[in-house]
Amino acid sequence: MTTPFDAVVQTMINLGFYNFIFPFIITAAILYALLRKSKVLGESVVINAVLALSVAFMIFGYPVIVGVSLATPLATFFTQATVFIIIVFVGFMLASLFYPNLGTFLTERIKSRSILFLMVVLAIALFVTSGLITVFVGNLGKPAAPGSAPTTPTDVILIAAGLIIFIVLLIVATGIARI
């Protein structure tokens, strides 16, 4: 039996919300915020908005032209990122039980850019494991069936994800050894 939530999500899928509307809105909002913050084009709200919308249309015209669906990779990416953020927040909450002044403790311990590099590696790992890499790299590996685009073999994605996770673990281990 379907729930009202299932019906709403299915309607949003049928309307193309996850394939075009949601990624378009996120891209336009991020680009607009970056343009407003950097003030590269001045402080004109109209110019920043027009440029952000134009770039968002161009970026998300690509999957439509190529014939790639963004729904599954984006849903996987945001789900994995949300789980990671929740784990980090729970870790900070648990750490605050043992260190009452956690902010000063972390600023004393973390004096290098290793955390920044760790976050970049984790973002790349999420990017690869969610399948978003196939949107940009294309479908590599398997021979194409007549009239269809080739797909990336699962073992290549698993090997790449395993290597990235291994590198992340190495960075975390060396970061812990320095503290």
N, C-alpha and C. Protein backbone atom coordinates (compact mmCIF):
# COMPACT_ATOMS: atom_id res chain seq x y z
N MET A 1 0.84 -1.18 0.00
CA MET A 1 0.00 0.00 0.00
C MET A 1 0.88 1.24 0.00
N THR A 2 0.58 2.15 -0.86
CA THR A 2 1.39 3.36 -0.94
C THR A 2 0.93 4.37 0.10
N THR A 3 1.91 5.07 0.61
CA THR A 3 1.63 6.13 1.57
C THR A 3 1.53 7.46 0.83
N PRO A 4 1.01 8.49 1.49
CA PRO A 4 0.97 9.80 0.83
C PRO A 4 2.37 10.30 0.47
N PHE A 5 3.36 9.96 1.29
CA PHE A 5 4.72 10.36 0.97
C PHE A 5 5.20 9.71 -0.32
N ASP A 6 4.89 8.41 -0.50
CA ASP A 6 5.26 7.73 -1.74
C ASP A 6 4.61 8.38 -2.95
N ALA A 7 3.36 8.76 -2.80
CA ALA A 7 2.65 9.40 -3.91
C ALA A 7 3.26 10.75 -4.26
N VAL A 8 3.64 11.52 -3.24
CA VAL A 8 4.25 12.83 -3.48
C VAL A 8 5.60 12.67 -4.18
N VAL A 9 6.42 11.74 -3.69
CA VAL A 9 7.74 11.52 -4.30
C VAL A 9 7.59 11.03 -5.73
N GLN A 10 6.66 10.12 -5.97
CA GLN A 10 6.45 9.62 -7.33
C GLN A 10 5.97 10.72 -8.26
N THR A 11 5.10 11.60 -7.76
CA THR A 11 4.65 12.74 -8.57
C THR A 11 5.82 13.66 -8.90
N MET A 12 6.68 13.90 -7.91
CA MET A 12 7.86 14.75 -8.15
C MET A 12 8.80 14.10 -9.17
N ILE A 13 8.94 12.79 -9.12
CA ILE A 13 9.77 12.09 -10.10
C ILE A 13 9.16 12.22 -11.48
N ASN A 14 7.85 12.04 -11.58
CA ASN A 14 7.17 12.15 -12.88
C ASN A 14 7.27 13.56 -13.46
N LEU A 15 7.29 14.57 -12.60
CA LEU A 15 7.41 15.96 -13.06
C LEU A 15 8.85 16.35 -13.41
N GLY A 16 9.80 15.47 -13.11
CA GLY A 16 11.20 15.76 -13.41
C GLY A 16 11.89 16.61 -12.36
N PHE A 17 11.35 16.62 -11.15
CA PHE A 17 11.92 17.45 -10.09
C PHE A 17 13.36 17.04 -9.78
N TYR A 18 13.61 15.76 -9.67
CA TYR A 18 14.94 15.29 -9.29
C TYR A 18 15.91 15.28 -10.47
N ASN A 19 15.40 15.24 -11.68
CA ASN A 19 16.28 15.25 -12.84
C ASN A 19 16.70 16.65 -13.25
N PHE A 20 15.81 17.62 -13.10
CA PHE A 20 16.16 18.94 -13.59
C PHE A 20 15.92 20.05 -12.57
N ILE A 21 14.76 20.11 -11.98
CA ILE A 21 14.39 21.26 -11.15
C ILE A 21 15.27 21.37 -9.91
N PHE A 22 15.40 20.30 -9.16
CA PHE A 22 16.19 20.33 -7.92
C PHE A 22 17.66 20.67 -8.17
N PRO A 23 18.34 19.98 -9.11
CA PRO A 23 19.74 20.35 -9.38
C PRO A 23 19.88 21.77 -9.92
N PHE A 24 18.92 22.19 -10.73
CA PHE A 24 18.96 23.55 -11.27
C PHE A 24 18.87 24.58 -10.16
N ILE A 25 17.95 24.38 -9.23
CA ILE A 25 17.78 25.32 -8.12
C ILE A 25 19.03 25.36 -7.25
N ILE A 26 19.59 24.21 -6.94
CA ILE A 26 20.80 24.17 -6.11
C ILE A 26 21.96 24.87 -6.81
N THR A 27 22.16 24.58 -8.09
CA THR A 27 23.26 25.20 -8.83
C THR A 27 23.08 26.71 -8.91
N ALA A 28 21.89 27.15 -9.22
CA ALA A 28 21.64 28.59 -9.33
C ALA A 28 21.86 29.28 -7.99
N ALA A 29 21.40 28.67 -6.91
CA ALA A 29 21.56 29.29 -5.58
C ALA A 29 23.02 29.37 -5.18
N ILE A 30 23.78 28.30 -5.41
CA ILE A 30 25.20 28.30 -5.04
C ILE A 30 25.97 29.31 -5.88
N LEU A 31 25.71 29.34 -7.19
CA LEU A 31 26.40 30.31 -8.04
C LEU A 31 26.05 31.74 -7.66
N TYR A 32 24.79 31.99 -7.37
CA TYR A 32 24.38 33.33 -6.97
C TYR A 32 25.07 33.75 -5.67
N ALA A 33 25.11 32.84 -4.70
CA ALA A 33 25.77 33.15 -3.44
C ALA A 33 27.26 33.41 -3.64
N LEU A 34 27.90 32.61 -4.49
CA LEU A 34 29.33 32.82 -4.76
C LEU A 34 29.57 34.16 -5.47
N LEU A 35 28.72 34.49 -6.42
CA LEU A 35 28.88 35.76 -7.12
C LEU A 35 28.64 36.95 -6.18
N ARG A 36 27.66 36.84 -5.31
CA ARG A 36 27.39 37.93 -4.36
C ARG A 36 28.53 38.07 -3.36
N LYS A 37 29.07 36.95 -2.91
CA LYS A 37 30.15 36.99 -1.90
C LYS A 37 31.46 37.50 -2.50
N SER A 38 31.78 37.04 -3.71
CA SER A 38 33.07 37.43 -4.31
C SER A 38 33.02 38.82 -4.93
N LYS A 39 31.84 39.28 -5.32
CA LYS A 39 31.65 40.59 -5.95
C LYS A 39 32.51 40.75 -7.20
N VAL A 40 32.65 39.66 -7.95
CA VAL A 40 33.44 39.68 -9.18
C VAL A 40 32.80 40.61 -10.21
N LEU A 41 31.49 40.59 -10.30
CA LEU A 41 30.78 41.41 -11.28
C LEU A 41 30.17 42.66 -10.66
N GLY A 42 30.65 43.02 -9.51
CA GLY A 42 30.10 44.18 -8.82
C GLY A 42 29.02 43.75 -7.83
N GLU A 43 28.25 44.72 -7.38
CA GLU A 43 27.23 44.42 -6.39
C GLU A 43 25.83 44.41 -6.97
N SER A 44 25.71 44.36 -8.27
CA SER A 44 24.40 44.35 -8.92
C SER A 44 23.71 43.00 -8.70
N VAL A 45 22.55 43.04 -8.08
CA VAL A 45 21.79 41.82 -7.82
C VAL A 45 21.28 41.22 -9.13
N VAL A 46 20.87 42.06 -10.06
CA VAL A 46 20.30 41.60 -11.32
C VAL A 46 21.35 40.88 -12.16
N ILE A 47 22.53 41.47 -12.27
CA ILE A 47 23.59 40.84 -13.08
C ILE A 47 23.98 39.49 -12.48
N ASN A 48 24.15 39.44 -11.16
CA ASN A 48 24.50 38.18 -10.51
C ASN A 48 23.41 37.13 -10.70
N ALA A 49 22.15 37.53 -10.60
CA ALA A 49 21.04 36.58 -10.76
C ALA A 49 20.95 36.07 -12.19
N VAL A 50 21.08 36.96 -13.15
CA VAL A 50 21.00 36.54 -14.55
C VAL A 50 22.13 35.59 -14.90
N LEU A 51 23.34 35.91 -14.44
CA LEU A 51 24.47 35.03 -14.72
C LEU A 51 24.31 33.68 -14.04
N ALA A 52 23.86 33.67 -12.79
CA ALA A 52 23.66 32.41 -12.08
C ALA A 52 22.61 31.55 -12.76
N LEU A 53 21.51 32.15 -13.18
CA LEU A 53 20.48 31.39 -13.88
C LEU A 53 20.96 30.88 -15.24
N SER A 54 21.71 31.70 -15.95
CA SER A 54 22.23 31.29 -17.26
C SER A 54 23.19 30.12 -17.14
N VAL A 55 24.09 30.21 -16.18
CA VAL A 55 25.06 29.12 -15.99
C VAL A 55 24.35 27.85 -15.52
N ALA A 56 23.35 28.00 -14.65
CA ALA A 56 22.59 26.82 -14.20
C ALA A 56 21.87 26.16 -15.36
N PHE A 57 21.29 26.95 -16.26
CA PHE A 57 20.64 26.36 -17.44
C PHE A 57 21.66 25.65 -18.33
N MET A 58 22.83 26.24 -18.50
CA MET A 58 23.85 25.61 -19.34
C MET A 58 24.36 24.32 -18.72
N ILE A 59 24.60 24.35 -17.42
CA ILE A 59 25.13 23.16 -16.75
C ILE A 59 24.13 22.01 -16.82
N PHE A 60 22.87 22.29 -16.58
CA PHE A 60 21.91 21.21 -16.55
C PHE A 60 21.23 20.96 -17.89
N GLY A 61 21.67 21.65 -18.91
CA GLY A 61 21.29 21.28 -20.26
C GLY A 61 22.12 20.11 -20.75
N TYR A 62 23.33 19.98 -20.21
CA TYR A 62 24.24 18.91 -20.60
C TYR A 62 23.64 17.52 -20.40
N PRO A 63 23.11 17.17 -19.22
CA PRO A 63 22.55 15.82 -19.07
C PRO A 63 21.37 15.55 -19.99
N VAL A 64 20.60 16.58 -20.30
CA VAL A 64 19.46 16.39 -21.20
C VAL A 64 19.96 16.12 -22.61
N ILE A 65 20.99 16.86 -23.03
CA ILE A 65 21.53 16.67 -24.38
C ILE A 65 22.20 15.30 -24.51
N VAL A 66 22.97 14.92 -23.49
CA VAL A 66 23.70 13.65 -23.53
C VAL A 66 22.78 12.47 -23.25
N GLY A 67 21.72 12.70 -22.50
CA GLY A 67 20.78 11.63 -22.18
C GLY A 67 21.12 10.90 -20.90
N VAL A 68 21.70 11.59 -19.94
CA VAL A 68 22.08 11.01 -18.66
C VAL A 68 21.06 11.44 -17.62
N SER A 69 20.70 10.53 -16.73
CA SER A 69 19.78 10.88 -15.64
C SER A 69 20.58 11.25 -14.41
N LEU A 70 20.23 12.38 -13.80
CA LEU A 70 20.91 12.83 -12.59
C LEU A 70 20.19 12.40 -11.32
N ALA A 71 19.01 11.82 -11.43
CA ALA A 71 18.18 11.54 -10.26
C ALA A 71 18.86 10.59 -9.29
N THR A 72 19.29 9.44 -9.75
CA THR A 72 19.88 8.45 -8.85
C THR A 72 21.22 8.90 -8.29
N PRO A 73 22.17 9.41 -9.12
CA PRO A 73 23.44 9.86 -8.54
C PRO A 73 23.27 11.01 -7.54
N LEU A 74 22.41 11.97 -7.84
CA LEU A 74 22.22 13.09 -6.91
C LEU A 74 21.55 12.63 -5.62
N ALA A 75 20.56 11.76 -5.73
CA ALA A 75 19.90 11.25 -4.53
C ALA A 75 20.88 10.47 -3.66
N THR A 76 21.72 9.66 -4.29
CA THR A 76 22.73 8.91 -3.54
C THR A 76 23.74 9.84 -2.91
N PHE A 77 24.20 10.85 -3.66
CA PHE A 77 25.18 11.79 -3.15
C PHE A 77 24.66 12.54 -1.93
N PHE A 78 23.45 13.09 -2.05
CA PHE A 78 22.91 13.86 -0.93
C PHE A 78 22.58 12.98 0.27
N THR A 79 22.17 11.74 0.02
CA THR A 79 21.92 10.82 1.14
C THR A 79 23.23 10.49 1.85
N GLN A 80 24.27 10.16 1.10
CA GLN A 80 25.56 9.86 1.71
C GLN A 80 26.12 11.08 2.43
N ALA A 81 26.00 12.25 1.83
CA ALA A 81 26.51 13.46 2.48
C ALA A 81 25.74 13.76 3.76
N THR A 82 24.44 13.56 3.74
CA THR A 82 23.64 13.79 4.94
C THR A 82 24.01 12.82 6.05
N VAL A 83 24.20 11.56 5.72
CA VAL A 83 24.60 10.58 6.73
C VAL A 83 25.97 10.96 7.29
N PHE A 84 26.89 11.36 6.45
CA PHE A 84 28.22 11.77 6.91
C PHE A 84 28.13 12.97 7.85
N ILE A 85 27.32 13.97 7.48
CA ILE A 85 27.17 15.16 8.32
C ILE A 85 26.54 14.80 9.66
N ILE A 86 25.55 13.92 9.66
CA ILE A 86 24.93 13.50 10.91
C ILE A 86 25.95 12.78 11.79
N ILE A 87 26.78 11.93 11.20
CA ILE A 87 27.81 11.23 11.97
C ILE A 87 28.79 12.23 12.58
N VAL A 88 29.19 13.23 11.81
CA VAL A 88 30.11 14.24 12.33
C VAL A 88 29.46 15.03 13.47
N PHE A 89 28.19 15.42 13.30
CA PHE A 89 27.50 16.15 14.37
C PHE A 89 27.37 15.32 15.64
N VAL A 90 27.02 14.05 15.49
CA VAL A 90 26.92 13.18 16.67
C VAL A 90 28.29 13.03 17.32
N GLY A 91 29.33 12.93 16.50
CA GLY A 91 30.69 12.86 17.05
C GLY A 91 31.05 14.11 17.83
N PHE A 92 30.69 15.28 17.29
CA PHE A 92 30.96 16.53 18.02
C PHE A 92 30.16 16.61 19.31
N MET A 93 28.91 16.14 19.28
CA MET A 93 28.10 16.16 20.50
C MET A 93 28.69 15.24 21.55
N LEU A 94 29.13 14.05 21.14
CA LEU A 94 29.75 13.13 22.10
C LEU A 94 31.07 13.67 22.61
N ALA A 95 31.84 14.31 21.73
CA ALA A 95 33.11 14.89 22.15
C ALA A 95 32.90 16.05 23.11
N SER A 96 31.81 16.78 22.94
CA SER A 96 31.55 17.90 23.85
C SER A 96 31.21 17.43 25.25
N LEU A 97 30.82 16.16 25.41
CA LEU A 97 30.61 15.62 26.75
C LEU A 97 31.93 15.48 27.50
N PHE A 98 32.99 15.15 26.78
CA PHE A 98 34.29 14.94 27.41
C PHE A 98 35.15 16.20 27.43
N TYR A 99 34.93 17.09 26.48
CA TYR A 99 35.66 18.35 26.41
C TYR A 99 34.64 19.48 26.45
N PRO A 100 34.41 20.08 27.63
CA PRO A 100 33.37 21.11 27.74
C PRO A 100 33.58 22.29 26.80
N ASN A 101 34.82 22.69 26.59
CA ASN A 101 35.11 23.79 25.69
C ASN A 101 35.74 23.21 24.42
N LEU A 102 34.90 22.58 23.61
CA LEU A 102 35.38 21.84 22.44
C LEU A 102 36.00 22.75 21.39
N GLY A 103 35.46 23.95 21.22
CA GLY A 103 35.98 24.87 20.20
C GLY A 103 37.43 25.24 20.42
N THR A 104 37.78 25.60 21.63
CA THR A 104 39.18 25.95 21.92
C THR A 104 40.07 24.73 21.87
N PHE A 105 39.54 23.58 22.29
CA PHE A 105 40.34 22.35 22.22
C PHE A 105 40.69 22.02 20.77
N LEU A 106 39.71 22.15 19.86
CA LEU A 106 39.97 21.84 18.46
C LEU A 106 40.92 22.85 17.82
N THR A 107 40.78 24.15 18.17
CA THR A 107 41.69 25.14 17.59
C THR A 107 43.11 24.96 18.10
N GLU A 108 43.27 24.46 19.30
CA GLU A 108 44.62 24.18 19.80
C GLU A 108 45.24 22.98 19.12
N ARG A 109 44.43 21.96 18.84
CA ARG A 109 44.94 20.71 18.26
C ARG A 109 45.13 20.77 16.75
N ILE A 110 44.26 21.47 16.08
CA ILE A 110 44.28 21.51 14.62
C ILE A 110 44.91 22.82 14.18
N LYS A 111 46.17 22.76 13.78
CA LYS A 111 46.87 23.95 13.34
C LYS A 111 47.36 23.84 11.91
N SER A 112 47.01 22.76 11.23
CA SER A 112 47.46 22.59 9.85
C SER A 112 46.25 22.50 8.93
N ARG A 113 46.52 22.33 7.66
CA ARG A 113 45.46 22.25 6.66
C ARG A 113 45.01 20.81 6.43
N SER A 114 45.39 19.91 7.30
CA SER A 114 45.06 18.51 7.07
C SER A 114 43.55 18.27 7.09
N ILE A 115 42.82 19.00 7.91
CA ILE A 115 41.37 18.83 7.94
C ILE A 115 40.74 19.28 6.63
N LEU A 116 41.27 20.36 6.06
CA LEU A 116 40.77 20.81 4.76
C LEU A 116 41.00 19.75 3.70
N PHE A 117 42.20 19.19 3.68
CA PHE A 117 42.51 18.14 2.71
C PHE A 117 41.64 16.91 2.95
N LEU A 118 41.39 16.60 4.21
CA LEU A 118 40.53 15.47 4.55
C LEU A 118 39.12 15.69 4.02
N MET A 119 38.59 16.89 4.18
CA MET A 119 37.24 17.19 3.69
C MET A 119 37.18 17.13 2.16
N VAL A 120 38.24 17.58 1.49
CA VAL A 120 38.27 17.51 0.03
C VAL A 120 38.28 16.05 -0.42
N VAL A 121 39.08 15.23 0.25
CA VAL A 121 39.14 13.80 -0.11
C VAL A 121 37.80 13.13 0.17
N LEU A 122 37.17 13.46 1.29
CA LEU A 122 35.85 12.88 1.58
C LEU A 122 34.81 13.32 0.56
N ALA A 123 34.87 14.58 0.13
CA ALA A 123 33.93 15.06 -0.89
C ALA A 123 34.15 14.32 -2.20
N ILE A 124 35.40 14.09 -2.56
CA ILE A 124 35.69 13.34 -3.79
C ILE A 124 35.21 11.90 -3.65
N ALA A 125 35.40 11.31 -2.46
CA ALA A 125 34.93 9.95 -2.23
C ALA A 125 33.41 9.87 -2.37
N LEU A 126 32.70 10.83 -1.79
CA LEU A 126 31.24 10.86 -1.94
C LEU A 126 30.84 11.05 -3.40
N PHE A 127 31.59 11.88 -4.09
CA PHE A 127 31.32 12.16 -5.50
C PHE A 127 31.45 10.89 -6.33
N VAL A 128 32.50 10.10 -6.06
CA VAL A 128 32.73 8.88 -6.84
C VAL A 128 31.76 7.78 -6.44
N THR A 129 31.58 7.56 -5.14
CA THR A 129 30.75 6.44 -4.71
C THR A 129 29.27 6.67 -4.99
N SER A 130 28.83 7.91 -5.12
CA SER A 130 27.43 8.17 -5.41
C SER A 130 27.11 7.94 -6.88
N GLY A 131 28.11 7.89 -7.72
CA GLY A 131 27.88 7.69 -9.14
C GLY A 131 27.83 8.98 -9.93
N LEU A 132 28.03 10.12 -9.27
CA LEU A 132 28.02 11.39 -9.99
C LEU A 132 29.20 11.51 -10.95
N ILE A 133 30.25 10.76 -10.70
CA ILE A 133 31.42 10.81 -11.58
C ILE A 133 31.05 10.34 -12.99
N THR A 134 30.09 9.44 -13.09
CA THR A 134 29.71 8.93 -14.41
C THR A 134 29.02 10.00 -15.25
N VAL A 135 28.46 11.00 -14.60
CA VAL A 135 27.83 12.09 -15.36
C VAL A 135 28.90 12.89 -16.10
N PHE A 136 30.06 13.07 -15.46
CA PHE A 136 31.11 13.89 -16.06
C PHE A 136 32.10 13.08 -16.88
N VAL A 137 32.42 11.87 -16.44
CA VAL A 137 33.39 11.04 -17.15
C VAL A 137 32.74 10.35 -18.33
N GLY A 138 31.48 10.07 -18.22
CA GLY A 138 30.79 9.32 -19.26
C GLY A 138 30.71 7.87 -18.84
N ASN A 139 30.17 7.09 -19.68
CA ASN A 139 30.03 5.67 -19.38
C ASN A 139 31.20 4.93 -20.00
N LEU A 140 32.14 4.54 -19.17
CA LEU A 140 33.36 3.89 -19.64
C LEU A 140 33.29 2.39 -19.45
N GLY A 141 34.09 1.67 -20.19
CA GLY A 141 34.33 0.27 -19.89
C GLY A 141 33.58 -0.72 -20.73
N LYS A 142 32.28 -0.76 -20.63
CA LYS A 142 31.52 -1.79 -21.32
C LYS A 142 31.28 -1.40 -22.77
N PRO A 143 31.30 -2.37 -23.63
CA PRO A 143 30.97 -2.04 -25.02
C PRO A 143 29.50 -1.65 -25.13
N ALA A 144 29.26 -0.73 -25.99
CA ALA A 144 27.90 -0.20 -26.13
C ALA A 144 27.03 -1.16 -26.93
N ALA A 145 25.82 -1.30 -26.46
CA ALA A 145 24.83 -2.03 -27.24
C ALA A 145 24.45 -1.14 -28.41
N PRO A 146 24.04 -1.71 -29.49
CA PRO A 146 23.68 -0.87 -30.64
C PRO A 146 22.59 0.14 -30.28
N GLY A 147 22.89 1.40 -30.49
CA GLY A 147 21.92 2.45 -30.23
C GLY A 147 21.87 2.96 -28.80
N SER A 148 22.78 2.51 -27.93
CA SER A 148 22.75 3.00 -26.55
C SER A 148 24.17 3.36 -26.11
N ALA A 149 24.22 4.16 -25.07
CA ALA A 149 25.51 4.60 -24.54
C ALA A 149 26.11 3.52 -23.65
N PRO A 150 27.45 3.38 -23.63
CA PRO A 150 28.06 2.37 -22.76
C PRO A 150 27.91 2.77 -21.29
N THR A 151 28.01 1.79 -20.41
CA THR A 151 27.90 2.04 -18.98
C THR A 151 29.21 1.70 -18.28
N THR A 152 29.44 2.34 -17.15
CA THR A 152 30.64 2.08 -16.37
C THR A 152 30.47 0.78 -15.61
N PRO A 153 31.45 -0.12 -15.67
CA PRO A 153 31.33 -1.36 -14.93
C PRO A 153 31.36 -1.09 -13.42
N THR A 154 30.61 -1.88 -12.70
CA THR A 154 30.52 -1.71 -11.25
C THR A 154 31.85 -1.94 -10.58
N ASP A 155 32.65 -2.89 -11.09
CA ASP A 155 33.93 -3.17 -10.44
C ASP A 155 34.90 -1.99 -10.53
N VAL A 156 34.83 -1.21 -11.60
CA VAL A 156 35.68 -0.03 -11.71
C VAL A 156 35.27 1.01 -10.67
N ILE A 157 33.98 1.20 -10.50
CA ILE A 157 33.49 2.15 -9.49
C ILE A 157 33.88 1.68 -8.10
N LEU A 158 33.74 0.38 -7.84
CA LEU A 158 34.09 -0.16 -6.52
C LEU A 158 35.59 -0.05 -6.24
N ILE A 159 36.41 -0.30 -7.25
CA ILE A 159 37.86 -0.17 -7.07
C ILE A 159 38.23 1.28 -6.81
N ALA A 160 37.67 2.20 -7.58
CA ALA A 160 37.95 3.62 -7.37
C ALA A 160 37.48 4.07 -5.99
N ALA A 161 36.29 3.65 -5.60
CA ALA A 161 35.78 4.02 -4.28
C ALA A 161 36.65 3.41 -3.18
N GLY A 162 37.07 2.17 -3.37
CA GLY A 162 37.95 1.53 -2.38
C GLY A 162 39.27 2.26 -2.24
N LEU A 163 39.86 2.66 -3.37
CA LEU A 163 41.11 3.42 -3.32
C LEU A 163 40.93 4.76 -2.63
N ILE A 164 39.84 5.44 -2.92
CA ILE A 164 39.60 6.74 -2.29
C ILE A 164 39.38 6.57 -0.79
N ILE A 165 38.61 5.56 -0.41
CA ILE A 165 38.39 5.33 1.02
C ILE A 165 39.70 4.95 1.71
N PHE A 166 40.55 4.15 1.04
CA PHE A 166 41.85 3.80 1.59
C PHE A 166 42.72 5.04 1.78
N ILE A 167 42.72 5.93 0.80
CA ILE A 167 43.49 7.18 0.91
C ILE A 167 42.95 8.04 2.05
N VAL A 168 41.62 8.08 2.18
CA VAL A 168 41.02 8.85 3.28
C VAL A 168 41.47 8.28 4.62
N LEU A 169 41.45 6.96 4.73
CA LEU A 169 41.88 6.34 5.99
C LEU A 169 43.35 6.62 6.27
N LEU A 170 44.19 6.61 5.24
CA LEU A 170 45.60 6.94 5.44
C LEU A 170 45.78 8.38 5.92
N ILE A 171 45.01 9.30 5.32
CA ILE A 171 45.11 10.71 5.73
C ILE A 171 44.66 10.88 7.16
N VAL A 172 43.56 10.20 7.52
CA VAL A 172 43.06 10.29 8.89
C VAL A 172 44.08 9.69 9.85
N ALA A 173 44.66 8.56 9.49
CA ALA A 173 45.64 7.92 10.38
C ALA A 173 46.88 8.78 10.56
N THR A 174 47.37 9.39 9.49
CA THR A 174 48.55 10.25 9.65
C THR A 174 48.20 11.53 10.39
N GLY A 175 46.96 12.02 10.23
CA GLY A 175 46.54 13.20 10.97
C GLY A 175 46.45 12.90 12.46
N ILE A 176 45.97 11.72 12.81
CA ILE A 176 45.86 11.34 14.22
C ILE A 176 47.25 11.13 14.82
N ALA A 177 48.17 10.59 14.01
CA ALA A 177 49.53 10.36 14.52
C ALA A 177 50.25 11.67 14.82
N ARG A 178 49.91 12.75 14.08
CA ARG A 178 50.55 14.04 14.34
C ARG A 178 50.04 14.71 15.59
N ILE A 179 48.81 14.41 15.97
CA ILE A 179 48.22 15.05 17.16
C ILE A 179 48.78 14.41 18.37
